[in-house]
Amino acid sequence: MSGWYEISQSSDQQYRFVLKAGNGEVILNSELYKAKASAVNGIESVQKNSADDSRFERLTAKNGKPYFNLKAANHQIIGSSQFYASEQSRDKGIESVKTNGSTTTIKDQTVA
């Protein structure tokens, strides 16, 4: 099973999306957006940029945990990963985003 995007709304009525792998695990988190259309634009940016390895910024947090950001051509962060136990795990997460990022399946959790 391939991955999908989920759009949800936070308690303060802002929108976010996550990219999930085929097993349902979250592999990329977006920032908060004031408008749902902006979240959709963010998804389109992930779809466009996720295949390009140079768009991934490989980082280490202050606590020593590896993570990554996916950036657009304008260097803005589109999404961030969780913290990983190792650089190898982080790199597998990046490969998963590359594999699943082009999906067109979007599950909108904001509609009643």
PDB file of N, CA and C in Angstrom:
ATOM      1  N   MET A   1       0.852  -1.189   0.000  1.00  0.00           N
ATOM      2  CA  MET A   1       0.000   0.000   0.000  1.00  0.00           C
ATOM      3  C   MET A   1       0.890   1.243   0.000  1.00  0.00           C
ATOM      4  N   SER A   2       0.520   2.192  -0.818  1.00  0.00           N
ATOM      5  CA  SER A   2       1.309   3.425  -0.879  1.00  0.00           C
ATOM      6  C   SER A   2       0.811   4.412   0.172  1.00  0.00           C
ATOM      7  N   GLY A   3       1.593   5.457   0.354  1.00  0.00           N
ATOM      8  CA  GLY A   3       1.290   6.434   1.383  1.00  0.00           C
ATOM      9  C   GLY A   3       0.177   7.389   0.991  1.00  0.00           C
ATOM     10  N   TRP A   4      -0.118   8.319   1.903  1.00  0.00           N
ATOM     11  CA  TRP A   4      -1.160   9.312   1.679  1.00  0.00           C
ATOM     12  C   TRP A   4      -0.915  10.529   2.570  1.00  0.00           C
ATOM     13  N   TYR A   5      -1.588  11.595   2.228  1.00  0.00           N
ATOM     14  CA  TYR A   5      -1.570  12.817   3.027  1.00  0.00           C
ATOM     15  C   TYR A   5      -2.853  12.887   3.844  1.00  0.00           C
ATOM     16  N   GLU A   6      -2.753  13.455   5.030  1.00  0.00           N
ATOM     17  CA  GLU A   6      -3.929  13.750   5.841  1.00  0.00           C
ATOM     18  C   GLU A   6      -3.883  15.222   6.223  1.00  0.00           C
ATOM     19  N   ILE A   7      -4.994  15.894   5.976  1.00  0.00           N
ATOM     20  CA  ILE A   7      -5.143  17.294   6.395  1.00  0.00           C
ATOM     21  C   ILE A   7      -6.015  17.301   7.642  1.00  0.00           C
ATOM     22  N   SER A   8      -5.568  18.018   8.672  1.00  0.00           N
ATOM     23  CA  SER A   8      -6.358  18.118   9.894  1.00  0.00           C
ATOM     24  C   SER A   8      -6.334  19.565  10.379  1.00  0.00           C
ATOM     25  N   GLN A   9      -7.154  19.813  11.395  1.00  0.00           N
ATOM     26  CA  GLN A   9      -7.262  21.157  11.951  1.00  0.00           C
ATOM     27  C   GLN A   9      -6.865  21.115  13.417  1.00  0.00           C
ATOM     28  N   SER A  10      -6.078  22.087  13.845  1.00  0.00           N
ATOM     29  CA  SER A  10      -5.644  22.153  15.236  1.00  0.00           C
ATOM     30  C   SER A  10      -6.734  22.794  16.089  1.00  0.00           C
ATOM     31  N   SER A  11      -6.522  22.769  17.390  1.00  0.00           N
ATOM     32  CA  SER A  11      -7.519  23.320  18.312  1.00  0.00           C
ATOM     33  C   SER A  11      -7.744  24.814  18.104  1.00  0.00           C
ATOM     34  N   ASP A  12      -6.741  25.515  17.553  1.00  0.00           N
ATOM     35  CA  ASP A  12      -6.914  26.947  17.292  1.00  0.00           C
ATOM     36  C   ASP A  12      -7.352  27.219  15.848  1.00  0.00           C
ATOM     37  N   GLN A  13      -7.909  26.199  15.198  1.00  0.00           N
ATOM     38  CA  GLN A  13      -8.516  26.296  13.869  1.00  0.00           C
ATOM     39  C   GLN A  13      -7.512  26.508  12.735  1.00  0.00           C
ATOM     40  N   GLN A  14      -6.247  26.211  12.971  1.00  0.00           N
ATOM     41  CA  GLN A  14      -5.273  26.254  11.895  1.00  0.00           C
ATOM     42  C   GLN A  14      -5.178  24.861  11.264  1.00  0.00           C
ATOM     43  N   TYR A  15      -4.634  24.826  10.069  1.00  0.00           N
ATOM     44  CA  TYR A  15      -4.561  23.575   9.309  1.00  0.00           C
ATOM     45  C   TYR A  15      -3.129  23.064   9.247  1.00  0.00           C
ATOM     46  N   ARG A  16      -3.003  21.749   9.163  1.00  0.00           N
ATOM     47  CA  ARG A  16      -1.698  21.111   8.989  1.00  0.00           C
ATOM     48  C   ARG A  16      -1.913  19.862   8.148  1.00  0.00           C
ATOM     49  N   PHE A  17      -0.818  19.353   7.607  1.00  0.00           N
ATOM     50  CA  PHE A  17      -0.902  18.061   6.939  1.00  0.00           C
ATOM     51  C   PHE A  17       0.253  17.195   7.398  1.00  0.00           C
ATOM     52  N   VAL A  18       0.041  15.903   7.274  1.00  0.00           N
ATOM     53  CA  VAL A  18       1.111  14.930   7.497  1.00  0.00           C
ATOM     54  C   VAL A  18       1.152  14.030   6.275  1.00  0.00           C
ATOM     55  N   LEU A  19       2.321  13.500   6.005  1.00  0.00           N
ATOM     56  CA  LEU A  19       2.491  12.468   4.991  1.00  0.00           C
ATOM     57  C   LEU A  19       2.694  11.172   5.740  1.00  0.00           C
ATOM     58  N   LYS A  20       1.877  10.182   5.406  1.00  0.00           N
ATOM     59  CA  LYS A  20       1.986   8.877   6.049  1.00  0.00           C
ATOM     60  C   LYS A  20       2.487   7.847   5.047  1.00  0.00           C
ATOM     61  N   ALA A  21       3.315   6.934   5.545  1.00  0.00           N
ATOM     62  CA  ALA A  21       3.774   5.814   4.727  1.00  0.00           C
ATOM     63  C   ALA A  21       2.644   4.799   4.609  1.00  0.00           C
ATOM     64  N   GLY A  22       2.832   3.817   3.757  1.00  0.00           N
ATOM     65  CA  GLY A  22       1.813   2.794   3.544  1.00  0.00           C
ATOM     66  C   GLY A  22       1.406   2.063   4.807  1.00  0.00           C
ATOM     67  N   ASN A  23       2.291   2.006   5.801  1.00  0.00           N
ATOM     68  CA  ASN A  23       1.971   1.337   7.061  1.00  0.00           C
ATOM     69  C   ASN A  23       1.262   2.259   8.057  1.00  0.00           C
ATOM     70  N   GLY A  24       0.984   3.500   7.638  1.00  0.00           N
ATOM     71  CA  GLY A  24       0.265   4.445   8.489  1.00  0.00           C
ATOM     72  C   GLY A  24       1.154   5.297   9.376  1.00  0.00           C
ATOM     73  N   GLU A  25       2.460   5.089   9.325  1.00  0.00           N
ATOM     74  CA  GLU A  25       3.389   5.860  10.153  1.00  0.00           C
ATOM     75  C   GLU A  25       3.596   7.253   9.553  1.00  0.00           C
ATOM     76  N   VAL A  26       3.563   8.287  10.388  1.00  0.00           N
ATOM     77  CA  VAL A  26       3.804   9.659   9.943  1.00  0.00           C
ATOM     78  C   VAL A  26       5.288   9.803   9.600  1.00  0.00           C
ATOM     79  N   ILE A  27       5.577  10.270   8.374  1.00  0.00           N
ATOM     80  CA  ILE A  27       6.966  10.440   7.957  1.00  0.00           C
ATOM     81  C   ILE A  27       7.327  11.898   7.685  1.00  0.00           C
ATOM     82  N   LEU A  28       6.330  12.780   7.638  1.00  0.00           N
ATOM     83  CA  LEU A  28       6.599  14.205   7.434  1.00  0.00           C
ATOM     84  C   LEU A  28       5.454  15.008   8.033  1.00  0.00           C
ATOM     85  N   ASN A  29       5.793  16.066   8.781  1.00  0.00           N
ATOM     86  CA  ASN A  29       4.813  16.967   9.401  1.00  0.00           C
ATOM     87  C   ASN A  29       4.962  18.357   8.816  1.00  0.00           C
ATOM     88  N   SER A  30       3.844  19.005   8.552  1.00  0.00           N
ATOM     89  CA  SER A  30       3.894  20.380   8.043  1.00  0.00           C
ATOM     90  C   SER A  30       3.857  21.371   9.189  1.00  0.00           C
ATOM     91  N   GLU A  31       4.036  22.629   8.822  1.00  0.00           N
ATOM     92  CA  GLU A  31       3.809  23.719   9.763  1.00  0.00           C
ATOM     93  C   GLU A  31       2.298  23.940   9.865  1.00  0.00           C
ATOM     94  N   LEU A  32       1.891  24.901  10.674  1.00  0.00           N
ATOM     95  CA  LEU A  32       0.476  25.271  10.762  1.00  0.00           C
ATOM     96  C   LEU A  32       0.174  26.353   9.732  1.00  0.00           C
ATOM     97  N   TYR A  33      -0.988  26.239   9.110  1.00  0.00           N
ATOM     98  CA  TYR A  33      -1.434  27.206   8.102  1.00  0.00           C
ATOM     99  C   TYR A  33      -2.760  27.807   8.543  1.00  0.00           C
ATOM    100  N   LYS A  34      -2.950  29.090   8.254  1.00  0.00           N
ATOM    101  CA  LYS A  34      -4.210  29.752   8.598  1.00  0.00           C
ATOM    102  C   LYS A  34      -5.346  29.320   7.678  1.00  0.00           C
ATOM    103  N   ALA A  35      -5.023  28.978   6.434  1.00  0.00           N
ATOM    104  CA  ALA A  35      -6.045  28.604   5.460  1.00  0.00           C
ATOM    105  C   ALA A  35      -5.812  27.182   4.965  1.00  0.00           C
ATOM    106  N   LYS A  36      -6.901  26.480   4.735  1.00  0.00           N
ATOM    107  CA  LYS A  36      -6.819  25.122   4.222  1.00  0.00           C
ATOM    108  C   LYS A  36      -6.140  25.092   2.855  1.00  0.00           C
ATOM    109  N   ALA A  37      -6.402  26.102   2.035  1.00  0.00           N
ATOM    110  CA  ALA A  37      -5.788  26.165   0.705  1.00  0.00           C
ATOM    111  C   ALA A  37      -4.268  26.223   0.810  1.00  0.00           C
ATOM    112  N   SER A  38      -3.751  26.864   1.845  1.00  0.00           N
ATOM    113  CA  SER A  38      -2.301  26.929   2.041  1.00  0.00           C
ATOM    114  C   SER A  38      -1.736  25.553   2.378  1.00  0.00           C
ATOM    115  N   ALA A  39      -2.477  24.770   3.158  1.00  0.00           N
ATOM    116  CA  ALA A  39      -2.050  23.400   3.462  1.00  0.00           C
ATOM    117  C   ALA A  39      -2.030  22.560   2.187  1.00  0.00           C
ATOM    118  N   VAL A  40      -3.032  22.738   1.342  1.00  0.00           N
ATOM    119  CA  VAL A  40      -3.071  22.015   0.063  1.00  0.00           C
ATOM    120  C   VAL A  40      -1.880  22.415  -0.805  1.00  0.00           C
ATOM    121  N   ASN A  41      -1.546  23.712  -0.814  1.00  0.00           N
ATOM    122  CA  ASN A  41      -0.365  24.169  -1.555  1.00  0.00           C
ATOM    123  C   ASN A  41       0.900  23.528  -1.001  1.00  0.00           C
ATOM    124  N   GLY A  42       0.963  23.353   0.323  1.00  0.00           N
ATOM    125  CA  GLY A  42       2.097  22.692   0.946  1.00  0.00           C
ATOM    126  C   GLY A  42       2.231  21.249   0.477  1.00  0.00           C
ATOM    127  N   ILE A  43       1.108  20.552   0.376  1.00  0.00           N
ATOM    128  CA  ILE A  43       1.112  19.175  -0.135  1.00  0.00           C
ATOM    129  C   ILE A  43       1.637  19.149  -1.566  1.00  0.00           C
ATOM    130  N   GLU A  44       1.159  20.080  -2.381  1.00  0.00           N
ATOM    131  CA  GLU A  44       1.622  20.144  -3.775  1.00  0.00           C
ATOM    132  C   GLU A  44       3.126  20.394  -3.835  1.00  0.00           C
ATOM    133  N   SER A  45       3.641  21.180  -2.903  1.00  0.00           N
ATOM    134  CA  SER A  45       5.073  21.449  -2.867  1.00  0.00           C
ATOM    135  C   SER A  45       5.854  20.188  -2.481  1.00  0.00           C
ATOM    136  N   VAL A  46       5.336  19.401  -1.535  1.00  0.00           N
ATOM    137  CA  VAL A  46       5.984  18.131  -1.185  1.00  0.00           C
ATOM    138  C   VAL A  46       5.973  17.204  -2.392  1.00  0.00           C
ATOM    139  N   GLN A  47       4.829  17.120  -3.073  1.00  0.00           N
ATOM    140  CA  GLN A  47       4.737  16.252  -4.255  1.00  0.00           C
ATOM    141  C   GLN A  47       5.792  16.631  -5.289  1.00  0.00           C
ATOM    142  N   LYS A  48       6.022  17.918  -5.439  1.00  0.00           N
ATOM    143  CA  LYS A  48       6.961  18.426  -6.439  1.00  0.00           C
ATOM    144  C   LYS A  48       8.421  18.253  -6.014  1.00  0.00           C
ATOM    145  N   ASN A  49       8.721  18.439  -4.726  1.00  0.00           N
ATOM    146  CA  ASN A  49      10.105  18.500  -4.260  1.00  0.00           C
ATOM    147  C   ASN A  49      10.646  17.224  -3.624  1.00  0.00           C
ATOM    148  N   SER A  50       9.784  16.290  -3.264  1.00  0.00           N
ATOM    149  CA  SER A  50      10.228  15.139  -2.478  1.00  0.00           C
ATOM    150  C   SER A  50      11.124  14.168  -3.234  1.00  0.00           C
ATOM    151  N   ALA A  51      11.120  14.184  -4.540  1.00  0.00           N
ATOM    152  CA  ALA A  51      11.976  13.266  -5.309  1.00  0.00           C
ATOM    153  C   ALA A  51      13.413  13.764  -5.417  1.00  0.00           C
ATOM    154  N   ASP A  52      13.646  15.029  -5.084  1.00  0.00           N
ATOM    155  CA  ASP A  52      14.956  15.654  -5.252  1.00  0.00           C
ATOM    156  C   ASP A  52      15.755  15.576  -3.944  1.00  0.00           C
ATOM    157  N   ASP A  53      16.799  14.758  -3.927  1.00  0.00           N
ATOM    158  CA  ASP A  53      17.584  14.565  -2.707  1.00  0.00           C
ATOM    159  C   ASP A  53      18.178  15.867  -2.177  1.00  0.00           C
ATOM    160  N   SER A  54      18.486  16.816  -3.065  1.00  0.00           N
ATOM    161  CA  SER A  54      19.104  18.066  -2.624  1.00  0.00           C
ATOM    162  C   SER A  54      18.129  18.938  -1.825  1.00  0.00           C
ATOM    163  N   ARG A  55      16.853  18.605  -1.836  1.00  0.00           N
ATOM    164  CA  ARG A  55      15.849  19.369  -1.077  1.00  0.00           C
ATOM    165  C   ARG A  55      15.782  18.938   0.391  1.00  0.00           C
ATOM    166  N   PHE A  56      16.479  17.853   0.733  1.00  0.00           N
ATOM    167  CA  PHE A  56      16.449  17.357   2.103  1.00  0.00           C
ATOM    168  C   PHE A  56      17.639  17.904   2.886  1.00  0.00           C
ATOM    169  N   GLU A  57      17.319  18.518   4.009  1.00  0.00           N
ATOM    170  CA  GLU A  57      18.333  19.045   4.907  1.00  0.00           C
ATOM    171  C   GLU A  57      18.465  18.055   6.072  1.00  0.00           C
ATOM    172  N   ARG A  58      19.624  17.409   6.160  1.00  0.00           N
ATOM    173  CA  ARG A  58      19.882  16.415   7.203  1.00  0.00           C
ATOM    174  C   ARG A  58      20.500  17.115   8.408  1.00  0.00           C
ATOM    175  N   LEU A  59      19.822  17.008   9.556  1.00  0.00           N
ATOM    176  CA  LEU A  59      20.205  17.774  10.737  1.00  0.00           C
ATOM    177  C   LEU A  59      20.296  16.891  11.977  1.00  0.00           C
ATOM    178  N   THR A  60      20.888  17.452  13.022  1.00  0.00           N
ATOM    179  CA  THR A  60      20.921  16.808  14.332  1.00  0.00           C
ATOM    180  C   THR A  60      20.418  17.819  15.350  1.00  0.00           C
ATOM    181  N   ALA A  61      19.448  17.411  16.148  1.00  0.00           N
ATOM    182  CA  ALA A  61      18.873  18.288  17.165  1.00  0.00           C
ATOM    183  C   ALA A  61      19.841  18.469  18.326  1.00  0.00           C
ATOM    184  N   LYS A  62      19.560  19.444  19.183  1.00  0.00           N
ATOM    185  CA  LYS A  62      20.409  19.709  20.353  1.00  0.00           C
ATOM    186  C   LYS A  62      20.530  18.489  21.260  1.00  0.00           C
ATOM    187  N   ASN A  63      19.506  17.624  21.231  1.00  0.00           N
ATOM    188  CA  ASN A  63      19.543  16.419  22.066  1.00  0.00           C
ATOM    189  C   ASN A  63      20.298  15.270  21.390  1.00  0.00           C
ATOM    190  N   GLY A  64      20.910  15.554  20.228  1.00  0.00           N
ATOM    191  CA  GLY A  64      21.699  14.542  19.532  1.00  0.00           C
ATOM    192  C   GLY A  64      20.915  13.657  18.581  1.00  0.00           C
ATOM    193  N   LYS A  65      19.616  13.862  18.490  1.00  0.00           N
ATOM    194  CA  LYS A  65      18.776  13.015  17.632  1.00  0.00           C
ATOM    195  C   LYS A  65      18.769  13.550  16.199  1.00  0.00           C
ATOM    196  N   PRO A  66      19.002  12.683  15.224  1.00  0.00           N
ATOM    197  CA  PRO A  66      18.934  13.091  13.815  1.00  0.00           C
ATOM    198  C   PRO A  66      17.484  13.328  13.368  1.00  0.00           C
ATOM    199  N   TYR A  67      17.312  14.278  12.458  1.00  0.00           N
ATOM    200  CA  TYR A  67      16.020  14.543  11.828  1.00  0.00           C
ATOM    201  C   TYR A  67      16.284  15.218  10.495  1.00  0.00           C
ATOM    202  N   PHE A  68      15.224  15.496   9.742  1.00  0.00           N
ATOM    203  CA  PHE A  68      15.402  16.192   8.472  1.00  0.00           C
ATOM    204  C   PHE A  68      14.277  17.171   8.219  1.00  0.00           C
ATOM    205  N   ASN A  69      14.581  18.146   7.365  1.00  0.00           N
ATOM    206  CA  ASN A  69      13.589  19.070   6.828  1.00  0.00           C
ATOM    207  C   ASN A  69      13.566  18.887   5.320  1.00  0.00           C
ATOM    208  N   LEU A  70      12.380  19.026   4.743  1.00  0.00           N
ATOM    209  CA  LEU A  70      12.231  19.071   3.292  1.00  0.00           C
ATOM    210  C   LEU A  70      12.000  20.525   2.929  1.00  0.00           C
ATOM    211  N   LYS A  71      12.822  21.040   2.003  1.00  0.00           N
ATOM    212  CA  LYS A  71      12.735  22.446   1.631  1.00  0.00           C
ATOM    213  C   LYS A  71      12.310  22.604   0.172  1.00  0.00           C
ATOM    214  N   ALA A  72      11.627  23.694  -0.099  1.00  0.00           N
ATOM    215  CA  ALA A  72      11.229  24.044  -1.463  1.00  0.00           C
ATOM    216  C   ALA A  72      12.404  24.736  -2.159  1.00  0.00           C
ATOM    217  N   ALA A  73      12.234  25.035  -3.437  1.00  0.00           N
ATOM    218  CA  ALA A  73      13.284  25.701  -4.213  1.00  0.00           C
ATOM    219  C   ALA A  73      13.667  27.047  -3.610  1.00  0.00           C
ATOM    220  N   ASN A  74      12.720  27.704  -2.932  1.00  0.00           N
ATOM    221  CA  ASN A  74      12.992  29.003  -2.310  1.00  0.00           C
ATOM    222  C   ASN A  74      13.611  28.859  -0.912  1.00  0.00           C
ATOM    223  N   HIS A  75      13.977  27.644  -0.544  1.00  0.00           N
ATOM    224  CA  HIS A  75      14.627  27.307   0.728  1.00  0.00           C
ATOM    225  C   HIS A  75      13.698  27.365   1.934  1.00  0.00           C
ATOM    226  N   GLN A  76      12.400  27.504   1.712  1.00  0.00           N
ATOM    227  CA  GLN A  76      11.444  27.480   2.820  1.00  0.00           C
ATOM    228  C   GLN A  76      11.183  26.036   3.205  1.00  0.00           C
ATOM    229  N   ILE A  77      11.054  25.784   4.504  1.00  0.00           N
ATOM    230  CA  ILE A  77      10.771  24.432   4.981  1.00  0.00           C
ATOM    231  C   ILE A  77       9.326  24.081   4.666  1.00  0.00           C
ATOM    232  N   ILE A  78       9.135  22.948   3.992  1.00  0.00           N
ATOM    233  CA  ILE A  78       7.783  22.460   3.669  1.00  0.00           C
ATOM    234  C   ILE A  78       7.307  21.514   4.763  1.00  0.00           C
ATOM    235  N   GLY A  79       8.227  20.695   5.259  1.00  0.00           N
ATOM    236  CA  GLY A  79       7.864  19.728   6.281  1.00  0.00           C
ATOM    237  C   GLY A  79       9.088  19.250   7.028  1.00  0.00           C
ATOM    238  N   SER A  80       8.845  18.697   8.210  1.00  0.00           N
ATOM    239  CA  SER A  80       9.921  18.199   9.060  1.00  0.00           C
ATOM    240  C   SER A  80       9.593  16.783   9.511  1.00  0.00           C
ATOM    241  N   SER A  81      10.648  16.057   9.836  1.00  0.00           N
ATOM    242  CA  SER A  81      10.472  14.686  10.305  1.00  0.00           C
ATOM    243  C   SER A  81      10.399  14.641  11.825  1.00  0.00           C
ATOM    244  N   GLN A  82      10.175  13.453  12.307  1.00  0.00           N
ATOM    245  CA  GLN A  82      10.315  13.168  13.735  1.00  0.00           C
ATOM    246  C   GLN A  82      11.803  13.103  14.063  1.00  0.00           C
ATOM    247  N   PHE A  83      12.129  12.917  15.324  1.00  0.00           N
ATOM    248  CA  PHE A  83      13.506  12.648  15.710  1.00  0.00           C
ATOM    249  C   PHE A  83      13.748  11.151  15.592  1.00  0.00           C
ATOM    250  N   TYR A  84      14.907  10.791  15.082  1.00  0.00           N
ATOM    251  CA  TYR A  84      15.250   9.386  14.876  1.00  0.00           C
ATOM    252  C   TYR A  84      16.339   8.954  15.847  1.00  0.00           C
ATOM    253  N   ALA A  85      16.451   7.640  16.050  1.00  0.00           N
ATOM    254  CA  ALA A  85      17.454   7.080  16.952  1.00  0.00           C
ATOM    255  C   ALA A  85      18.844   7.089  16.323  1.00  0.00           C
ATOM    256  N   SER A  86      18.907   7.075  14.986  1.00  0.00           N
ATOM    257  CA  SER A  86      20.207   7.018  14.310  1.00  0.00           C
ATOM    258  C   SER A  86      20.128   7.735  12.969  1.00  0.00           C
ATOM    259  N   GLU A  87      21.286   8.070  12.422  1.00  0.00           N
ATOM    260  CA  GLU A  87      21.333   8.683  11.092  1.00  0.00           C
ATOM    261  C   GLU A  87      20.814   7.706  10.047  1.00  0.00           C
ATOM    262  N   GLN A  88      21.086   6.422  10.236  1.00  0.00           N
ATOM    263  CA  GLN A  88      20.593   5.397   9.303  1.00  0.00           C
ATOM    264  C   GLN A  88      19.056   5.390   9.281  1.00  0.00           C
ATOM    265  N   SER A  89      18.433   5.481  10.449  1.00  0.00           N
ATOM    266  CA  SER A  89      16.966   5.530  10.518  1.00  0.00           C
ATOM    267  C   SER A  89      16.439   6.788   9.838  1.00  0.00           C
ATOM    268  N   ARG A  90      17.116   7.922  10.079  1.00  0.00           N
ATOM    269  CA  ARG A  90      16.712   9.178   9.430  1.00  0.00           C
ATOM    270  C   ARG A  90      16.779   9.034   7.919  1.00  0.00           C
ATOM    271  N   ASP A  91      17.862   8.443   7.419  1.00  0.00           N
ATOM    272  CA  ASP A  91      18.009   8.288   5.975  1.00  0.00           C
ATOM    273  C   ASP A  91      16.934   7.374   5.392  1.00  0.00           C
ATOM    274  N   LYS A  92      16.501   6.383   6.154  1.00  0.00           N
ATOM    275  CA  LYS A  92      15.376   5.532   5.710  1.00  0.00           C
ATOM    276  C   LYS A  92      14.085   6.356   5.664  1.00  0.00           C
ATOM    277  N   GLY A  93      13.942   7.273   6.622  1.00  0.00           N
ATOM    278  CA  GLY A  93      12.781   8.160   6.618  1.00  0.00           C
ATOM    279  C   GLY A  93      12.767   9.044   5.379  1.00  0.00           C
ATOM    280  N   ILE A  94      13.924   9.554   4.996  1.00  0.00           N
ATOM    281  CA  ILE A  94      14.033  10.367   3.782  1.00  0.00           C
ATOM    282  C   ILE A  94      13.656   9.540   2.563  1.00  0.00           C
ATOM    283  N   GLU A  95      14.144   8.317   2.491  1.00  0.00           N
ATOM    284  CA  GLU A  95      13.796   7.436   1.361  1.00  0.00           C
ATOM    285  C   GLU A  95      12.293   7.180   1.316  1.00  0.00           C
ATOM    286  N   SER A  96      11.673   7.053   2.477  1.00  0.00           N
ATOM    287  CA  SER A  96      10.230   6.843   2.531  1.00  0.00           C
ATOM    288  C   SER A  96       9.474   8.066   2.016  1.00  0.00           C
ATOM    289  N   VAL A  97       9.952   9.266   2.362  1.00  0.00           N
ATOM    290  CA  VAL A  97       9.314  10.485   1.837  1.00  0.00           C
ATOM    291  C   VAL A  97       9.490  10.548   0.321  1.00  0.00           C
ATOM    292  N   LYS A  98      10.669  10.184  -0.164  1.00  0.00           N
ATOM    293  CA  LYS A  98      10.897  10.169  -1.615  1.00  0.00           C
ATOM    294  C   LYS A  98       9.938   9.201  -2.303  1.00  0.00           C
ATOM    295  N   THR A  99       9.727   8.043  -1.683  1.00  0.00           N
ATOM    296  CA  THR A  99       8.853   7.016  -2.253  1.00  0.00           C
ATOM    297  C   THR A  99       7.382   7.418  -2.203  1.00  0.00           C
ATOM    298  N   ASN A 100       6.949   7.973  -1.073  1.00  0.00           N
ATOM    299  CA  ASN A 100       5.531   8.248  -0.851  1.00  0.00           C
ATOM    300  C   ASN A 100       5.105   9.675  -1.151  1.00  0.00           C
ATOM    301  N   GLY A 101       6.054  10.589  -1.306  1.00  0.00           N
ATOM    302  CA  GLY A 101       5.729  12.005  -1.455  1.00  0.00           C
ATOM    303  C   GLY A 101       4.932  12.357  -2.697  1.00  0.00           C
ATOM    304  N   SER A 102       5.060  11.556  -3.745  1.00  0.00           N
ATOM    305  CA  SER A 102       4.357  11.878  -4.993  1.00  0.00           C
ATOM    306  C   SER A 102       2.907  11.408  -5.000  1.00  0.00           C
ATOM    307  N   THR A 103       2.463  10.739  -3.946  1.00  0.00           N
ATOM    308  CA  THR A 103       1.093  10.250  -3.917  1.00  0.00           C
ATOM    309  C   THR A 103       0.081  11.390  -4.100  1.00  0.00           C
ATOM    310  N   THR A 104      -1.014  11.079  -4.737  1.00  0.00           N
ATOM    311  CA  THR A 104      -2.076  12.071  -4.907  1.00  0.00           C
ATOM    312  C   THR A 104      -3.254  11.791  -3.962  1.00  0.00           C
ATOM    313  N   THR A 105      -3.125  10.799  -3.108  1.00  0.00           N
ATOM    314  CA  THR A 105      -4.180  10.461  -2.156  1.00  0.00           C
ATOM    315  C   THR A 105      -4.133  11.432  -0.983  1.00  0.00           C
ATOM    316  N   ILE A 106      -5.233  12.157  -0.784  1.00  0.00           N
ATOM    317  CA  ILE A 106      -5.349  13.109   0.312  1.00  0.00           C
ATOM    318  C   ILE A 106      -6.606  12.776   1.103  1.00  0.00           C
ATOM    319  N   LYS A 107      -6.443  12.543   2.381  1.00  0.00           N
ATOM    320  CA  LYS A 107      -7.575  12.267   3.276  1.00  0.00           C
ATOM    321  C   LYS A 107      -7.813  13.522   4.101  1.00  0.00           C
ATOM    322  N   ASP A 108      -8.928  14.148   3.863  1.00  0.00           N
ATOM    323  CA  ASP A 108      -9.264  15.396   4.533  1.00  0.00           C
ATOM    324  C   ASP A 108     -10.028  15.098   5.810  1.00  0.00           C
ATOM    325  N   GLN A 109      -9.366  15.303   6.954  1.00  0.00           N
ATOM    326  CA  GLN A 109      -9.987  15.036   8.253  1.00  0.00           C
ATOM    327  C   GLN A 109     -10.776  16.241   8.766  1.00  0.00           C
ATOM    328  N   THR A 110     -10.846  17.322   7.979  1.00  0.00           N
ATOM    329  CA  THR A 110     -11.512  18.533   8.449  1.00  0.00           C
ATOM    330  C   THR A 110     -12.975  18.580   8.061  1.00  0.00           C
ATOM    331  N   VAL A 111     -13.412  17.699   7.186  1.00  0.00           N
ATOM    332  CA  VAL A 111     -14.820  17.719   6.760  1.00  0.00           C
ATOM    333  C   VAL A 111     -15.635  16.822   7.672  1.00  0.00           C
ATOM    334  N   ALA A 112     -16.779  17.316   8.071  1.00  0.00           N
ATOM    335  CA  ALA A 112     -17.634  16.556   9.001  1.00  0.00           C
ATOM    336  C   ALA A 112     -18.421  15.503   8.274  1.00  0.00           C
TER     337      ALA A 112
END
